[in-house]
């Protein structure tokens, strides 16, 4: 397995994986801080605050 820092083109897949976790959670027992699916636009600012030198997002 190869690990690397995330890139802009990874954001749609990151959001897809996160939304899958949201859908699998139950209303009485959520698995994320969000209860409704997110869009790429919803997560863009969050993604831009992360980088190799500050809070990196790793992808495999």
PDB file of N, CA and C in Angstrom:
ATOM      1  N   UNK A   1       0.831  -1.158   0.000  1.00  0.00           N
ATOM      2  CA  UNK A   1       0.000   0.000   0.000  1.00  0.00           C
ATOM      3  C   UNK A   1       0.886   1.236   0.000  1.00  0.00           C
ATOM      4  N   UNK A   2       0.501   2.215  -0.810  1.00  0.00           N
ATOM      5  CA  UNK A   2       1.238   3.480  -0.862  1.00  0.00           C
ATOM      6  C   UNK A   2       0.419   4.560  -0.175  1.00  0.00           C
ATOM      7  N   UNK A   3       1.058   5.318   0.650  1.00  0.00           N
ATOM      8  CA  UNK A   3       0.437   6.466   1.302  1.00  0.00           C
ATOM      9  C   UNK A   3       1.006   7.736   0.702  1.00  0.00           C
ATOM     10  N   UNK A   4       0.146   8.739   0.573  1.00  0.00           N
ATOM     11  CA  UNK A   4       0.607  10.036   0.064  1.00  0.00           C
ATOM     12  C   UNK A   4      -0.311  11.119   0.625  1.00  0.00           C
ATOM     13  N   UNK A   5       0.138  12.360   0.514  1.00  0.00           N
ATOM     14  CA  UNK A   5      -0.699  13.486   0.894  1.00  0.00           C
ATOM     15  C   UNK A   5      -1.845  13.599  -0.109  1.00  0.00           C
ATOM     16  N   UNK A   6      -2.998  14.001   0.367  1.00  0.00           N
ATOM     17  CA  UNK A   6      -4.144  14.156  -0.528  1.00  0.00           C
ATOM     18  C   UNK A   6      -3.920  15.308  -1.498  1.00  0.00           C
ATOM     19  N   UNK A   7      -4.626  15.192  -2.615  1.00  0.00           N
ATOM     20  CA  UNK A   7      -4.601  16.231  -3.647  1.00  0.00           C
ATOM     21  C   UNK A   7      -6.037  16.657  -3.924  1.00  0.00           C
ATOM     22  N   UNK A   8      -6.187  17.767  -4.587  1.00  0.00           N
ATOM     23  CA  UNK A   8      -7.514  18.305  -4.921  1.00  0.00           C
ATOM     24  C   UNK A   8      -8.416  17.250  -5.564  1.00  0.00           C
ATOM     25  N   UNK A   9      -7.866  16.469  -6.461  1.00  0.00           N
ATOM     26  CA  UNK A   9      -8.685  15.462  -7.159  1.00  0.00           C
ATOM     27  C   UNK A   9      -9.147  14.323  -6.244  1.00  0.00           C
ATOM     28  N   UNK A  10      -8.603  14.221  -5.046  1.00  0.00           N
ATOM     29  CA  UNK A  10      -9.034  13.200  -4.089  1.00  0.00           C
ATOM     30  C   UNK A  10     -10.291  13.607  -3.323  1.00  0.00           C
ATOM     31  N   UNK A  11     -10.617  14.888  -3.315  1.00  0.00           N
ATOM     32  CA  UNK A  11     -11.719  15.372  -2.491  1.00  0.00           C
ATOM     33  C   UNK A  11     -13.055  14.685  -2.780  1.00  0.00           C
ATOM     34  N   UNK A  12     -13.464  14.472  -4.034  1.00  0.00           N
ATOM     35  CA  UNK A  12     -14.741  13.777  -4.254  1.00  0.00           C
ATOM     36  C   UNK A  12     -14.781  12.380  -3.616  1.00  0.00           C
ATOM     37  N   UNK A  13     -13.695  11.642  -3.691  1.00  0.00           N
ATOM     38  CA  UNK A  13     -13.657  10.300  -3.080  1.00  0.00           C
ATOM     39  C   UNK A  13     -13.682  10.402  -1.562  1.00  0.00           C
ATOM     40  N   UNK A  14     -13.002  11.388  -0.993  1.00  0.00           N
ATOM     41  CA  UNK A  14     -13.006  11.578   0.460  1.00  0.00           C
ATOM     42  C   UNK A  14     -14.437  11.856   0.925  1.00  0.00           C
ATOM     43  N   UNK A  15     -15.142  12.722   0.203  1.00  0.00           N
ATOM     44  CA  UNK A  15     -16.528  13.048   0.553  1.00  0.00           C
ATOM     45  C   UNK A  15     -17.419  11.816   0.400  1.00  0.00           C
ATOM     46  N   UNK A  16     -17.223  11.040  -0.649  1.00  0.00           N
ATOM     47  CA  UNK A  16     -18.016   9.815  -0.858  1.00  0.00           C
ATOM     48  C   UNK A  16     -17.846   8.852   0.316  1.00  0.00           C
ATOM     49  N   UNK A  17     -16.614   8.644   0.749  1.00  0.00           N
ATOM     50  CA  UNK A  17     -16.331   7.735   1.868  1.00  0.00           C
ATOM     51  C   UNK A  17     -16.962   8.278   3.151  1.00  0.00           C
ATOM     52  N   UNK A  18     -16.846   9.568   3.384  1.00  0.00           N
ATOM     53  CA  UNK A  18     -17.426  10.181   4.578  1.00  0.00           C
ATOM     54  C   UNK A  18     -18.940  10.047   4.568  1.00  0.00           C
ATOM     55  N   UNK A  19     -19.558  10.284   3.407  1.00  0.00           N
ATOM     56  CA  UNK A  19     -21.012  10.155   3.310  1.00  0.00           C
ATOM     57  C   UNK A  19     -21.470   8.726   3.530  1.00  0.00           C
ATOM     58  N   UNK A  20     -20.667   7.769   3.136  1.00  0.00           N
ATOM     59  CA  UNK A  20     -21.006   6.370   3.398  1.00  0.00           C
ATOM     60  C   UNK A  20     -21.072   6.138   4.909  1.00  0.00           C
ATOM     61  N   UNK A  21     -20.141   6.695   5.649  1.00  0.00           N
ATOM     62  CA  UNK A  21     -20.153   6.555   7.110  1.00  0.00           C
ATOM     63  C   UNK A  21     -21.382   7.238   7.705  1.00  0.00           C
ATOM     64  N   UNK A  22     -21.748   8.402   7.169  1.00  0.00           N
ATOM     65  CA  UNK A  22     -22.947   9.098   7.652  1.00  0.00           C
ATOM     66  C   UNK A  22     -24.175   8.218   7.445  1.00  0.00           C
ATOM     67  N   UNK A  23     -24.304   7.627   6.260  1.00  0.00           N
ATOM     68  CA  UNK A  23     -25.469   6.783   5.953  1.00  0.00           C
ATOM     69  C   UNK A  23     -25.522   5.537   6.818  1.00  0.00           C
ATOM     70  N   UNK A  24     -24.367   5.001   7.182  1.00  0.00           N
ATOM     71  CA  UNK A  24     -24.336   3.781   7.993  1.00  0.00           C
ATOM     72  C   UNK A  24     -24.654   4.041   9.458  1.00  0.00           C
ATOM     73  N   UNK A  25     -24.484   5.260   9.907  1.00  0.00           N
ATOM     74  CA  UNK A  25     -24.802   5.598  11.289  1.00  0.00           C
ATOM     75  C   UNK A  25     -26.305   5.633  11.493  1.00  0.00           C
ATOM     76  N   UNK A  26     -26.705   5.531  12.729  1.00  0.00           N
ATOM     77  CA  UNK A  26     -28.118   5.604  13.068  1.00  0.00           C
ATOM     78  C   UNK A  26     -28.387   6.959  13.695  1.00  0.00           C
ATOM     79  N   UNK A  27     -29.598   7.426  13.578  1.00  0.00           N
ATOM     80  CA  UNK A  27     -29.950   8.726  14.166  1.00  0.00           C
ATOM     81  C   UNK A  27     -29.650   8.738  15.664  1.00  0.00           C
ATOM     82  N   UNK A  28     -29.879   7.619  16.329  1.00  0.00           N
ATOM     83  CA  UNK A  28     -29.632   7.566  17.771  1.00  0.00           C
ATOM     84  C   UNK A  28     -28.163   7.314  18.102  1.00  0.00           C
ATOM     85  N   UNK A  29     -27.395   6.883  17.096  1.00  0.00           N
ATOM     86  CA  UNK A  29     -25.989   6.568  17.314  1.00  0.00           C
ATOM     87  C   UNK A  29     -25.168   6.972  16.096  1.00  0.00           C
ATOM     88  N   UNK A  30     -25.036   8.291  15.860  1.00  0.00           N
ATOM     89  CA  UNK A  30     -24.281   8.720  14.673  1.00  0.00           C
ATOM     90  C   UNK A  30     -22.812   8.336  14.786  1.00  0.00           C
ATOM     91  N   UNK A  31     -22.173   8.148  13.631  1.00  0.00           N
ATOM     92  CA  UNK A  31     -20.755   7.774  13.608  1.00  0.00           C
ATOM     93  C   UNK A  31     -19.859   8.944  13.201  1.00  0.00           C
ATOM     94  N   UNK A  32     -20.465  10.073  12.842  1.00  0.00           N
ATOM     95  CA  UNK A  32     -19.710  11.281  12.519  1.00  0.00           C
ATOM     96  C   UNK A  32     -20.394  12.468  13.195  1.00  0.00           C
ATOM     97  N   UNK A  33     -19.771  13.622  13.102  1.00  0.00           N
ATOM     98  CA  UNK A  33     -20.379  14.831  13.658  1.00  0.00           C
ATOM     99  C   UNK A  33     -21.532  15.324  12.782  1.00  0.00           C
ATOM    100  N   UNK A  34     -21.603  14.861  11.549  1.00  0.00           N
ATOM    101  CA  UNK A  34     -22.664  15.271  10.631  1.00  0.00           C
ATOM    102  C   UNK A  34     -23.708  14.174  10.524  1.00  0.00           C
ATOM    103  N   UNK A  35     -24.947  14.572  10.340  1.00  0.00           N
ATOM    104  CA  UNK A  35     -26.039  13.595  10.220  1.00  0.00           C
ATOM    105  C   UNK A  35     -26.607  13.545   8.817  1.00  0.00           C
ATOM    106  N   UNK A  36     -26.290  14.535   8.013  1.00  0.00           N
ATOM    107  CA  UNK A  36     -26.767  14.599   6.629  1.00  0.00           C
ATOM    108  C   UNK A  36     -25.567  14.550   5.694  1.00  0.00           C
ATOM    109  N   UNK A  37     -25.708  13.902   4.529  1.00  0.00           N
ATOM    110  CA  UNK A  37     -24.598  13.838   3.575  1.00  0.00           C
ATOM    111  C   UNK A  37     -24.091  15.225   3.199  1.00  0.00           C
ATOM    112  N   UNK A  38     -22.812  15.292   2.888  1.00  0.00           N
ATOM    113  CA  UNK A  38     -22.143  16.533   2.525  1.00  0.00           C
ATOM    114  C   UNK A  38     -21.842  16.544   1.042  1.00  0.00           C
ATOM    115  N   UNK A  39     -21.592  17.724   0.510  1.00  0.00           N
ATOM    116  CA  UNK A  39     -21.168  17.855  -0.879  1.00  0.00           C
ATOM    117  C   UNK A  39     -19.685  18.214  -0.909  1.00  0.00           C
ATOM    118  N   UNK A  40     -19.106  18.103  -2.075  1.00  0.00           N
ATOM    119  CA  UNK A  40     -17.705  18.517  -2.230  1.00  0.00           C
ATOM    120  C   UNK A  40     -17.581  19.990  -1.878  1.00  0.00           C
ATOM    121  N   UNK A  41     -18.548  20.795  -2.289  1.00  0.00           N
ATOM    122  CA  UNK A  41     -18.508  22.231  -1.971  1.00  0.00           C
ATOM    123  C   UNK A  41     -18.543  22.455  -0.456  1.00  0.00           C
ATOM    124  N   UNK A  42     -19.313  21.630   0.263  1.00  0.00           N
ATOM    125  CA  UNK A  42     -19.378  21.734   1.726  1.00  0.00           C
ATOM    126  C   UNK A  42     -18.013  21.514   2.368  1.00  0.00           C
ATOM    127  N   UNK A  43     -17.202  20.653   1.780  1.00  0.00           N
ATOM    128  CA  UNK A  43     -15.933  20.252   2.398  1.00  0.00           C
ATOM    129  C   UNK A  43     -14.714  20.962   1.813  1.00  0.00           C
ATOM    130  N   UNK A  44     -14.905  21.804   0.805  1.00  0.00           N
ATOM    131  CA  UNK A  44     -13.756  22.435   0.141  1.00  0.00           C
ATOM    132  C   UNK A  44     -12.939  23.299   1.105  1.00  0.00           C
ATOM    133  N   UNK A  45     -13.583  24.155   1.882  1.00  0.00           N
ATOM    134  CA  UNK A  45     -12.844  25.015   2.811  1.00  0.00           C
ATOM    135  C   UNK A  45     -12.079  24.178   3.830  1.00  0.00           C
ATOM    136  N   UNK A  46     -12.718  23.142   4.353  1.00  0.00           N
ATOM    137  CA  UNK A  46     -12.056  22.221   5.285  1.00  0.00           C
ATOM    138  C   UNK A  46     -10.819  21.620   4.629  1.00  0.00           C
ATOM    139  N   UNK A  47     -10.970  21.149   3.403  1.00  0.00           N
ATOM    140  CA  UNK A  47      -9.866  20.516   2.685  1.00  0.00           C
ATOM    141  C   UNK A  47      -8.713  21.503   2.479  1.00  0.00           C
ATOM    142  N   UNK A  48      -9.046  22.727   2.150  1.00  0.00           N
ATOM    143  CA  UNK A  48      -8.009  23.738   1.884  1.00  0.00           C
ATOM    144  C   UNK A  48      -7.234  24.143   3.129  1.00  0.00           C
ATOM    145  N   UNK A  49      -7.778  23.892   4.300  1.00  0.00           N
ATOM    146  CA  UNK A  49      -7.067  24.206   5.553  1.00  0.00           C
ATOM    147  C   UNK A  49      -6.060  23.108   5.923  1.00  0.00           C
ATOM    148  N   UNK A  50      -6.012  22.042   5.169  1.00  0.00           N
ATOM    149  CA  UNK A  50      -5.121  20.915   5.446  1.00  0.00           C
ATOM    150  C   UNK A  50      -4.074  20.812   4.351  1.00  0.00           C
ATOM    151  N   UNK A  51      -2.889  20.412   4.740  1.00  0.00           N
ATOM    152  CA  UNK A  51      -1.832  20.262   3.758  1.00  0.00           C
ATOM    153  C   UNK A  51      -0.640  19.562   4.387  1.00  0.00           C
ATOM    154  N   UNK A  52       0.382  19.310   3.620  1.00  0.00           N
ATOM    155  CA  UNK A  52       1.554  18.590   4.138  1.00  0.00           C
ATOM    156  C   UNK A  52       2.155  19.214   5.393  1.00  0.00           C
ATOM    157  N   UNK A  53       2.060  20.545   5.525  1.00  0.00           N
ATOM    158  CA  UNK A  53       2.685  21.187   6.685  1.00  0.00           C
ATOM    159  C   UNK A  53       1.700  21.517   7.806  1.00  0.00           C
ATOM    160  N   UNK A  54       0.402  21.337   7.560  1.00  0.00           N
ATOM    161  CA  UNK A  54      -0.587  21.625   8.601  1.00  0.00           C
ATOM    162  C   UNK A  54      -1.772  20.677   8.495  1.00  0.00           C
ATOM    163  N   UNK A  55      -1.882  19.793   9.444  1.00  0.00           N
ATOM    164  CA  UNK A  55      -2.989  18.832   9.501  1.00  0.00           C
ATOM    165  C   UNK A  55      -3.150  18.056   8.194  1.00  0.00           C
ATOM    166  N   UNK A  56      -2.159  17.306   7.789  1.00  0.00           N
ATOM    167  CA  UNK A  56      -2.231  16.618   6.498  1.00  0.00           C
ATOM    168  C   UNK A  56      -3.358  15.576   6.457  1.00  0.00           C
ATOM    169  N   UNK A  57      -3.896  15.422   5.279  1.00  0.00           N
ATOM    170  CA  UNK A  57      -4.855  14.353   4.989  1.00  0.00           C
ATOM    171  C   UNK A  57      -4.097  13.332   4.152  1.00  0.00           C
ATOM    172  N   UNK A  58      -4.042  12.127   4.653  1.00  0.00           N
ATOM    173  CA  UNK A  58      -3.337  11.056   3.954  1.00  0.00           C
ATOM    174  C   UNK A  58      -4.335  10.203   3.177  1.00  0.00           C
ATOM    175  N   UNK A  59      -3.936   9.740   2.011  1.00  0.00           N
ATOM    176  CA  UNK A  59      -4.738   8.799   1.239  1.00  0.00           C
ATOM    177  C   UNK A  59      -3.883   7.579   0.926  1.00  0.00           C
ATOM    178  N   UNK A  60      -4.558   6.473   0.776  1.00  0.00           N
ATOM    179  CA  UNK A  60      -3.854   5.218   0.464  1.00  0.00           C
ATOM    180  C   UNK A  60      -4.285   4.716  -0.892  1.00  0.00           C
TER     181      UNK A  60
END
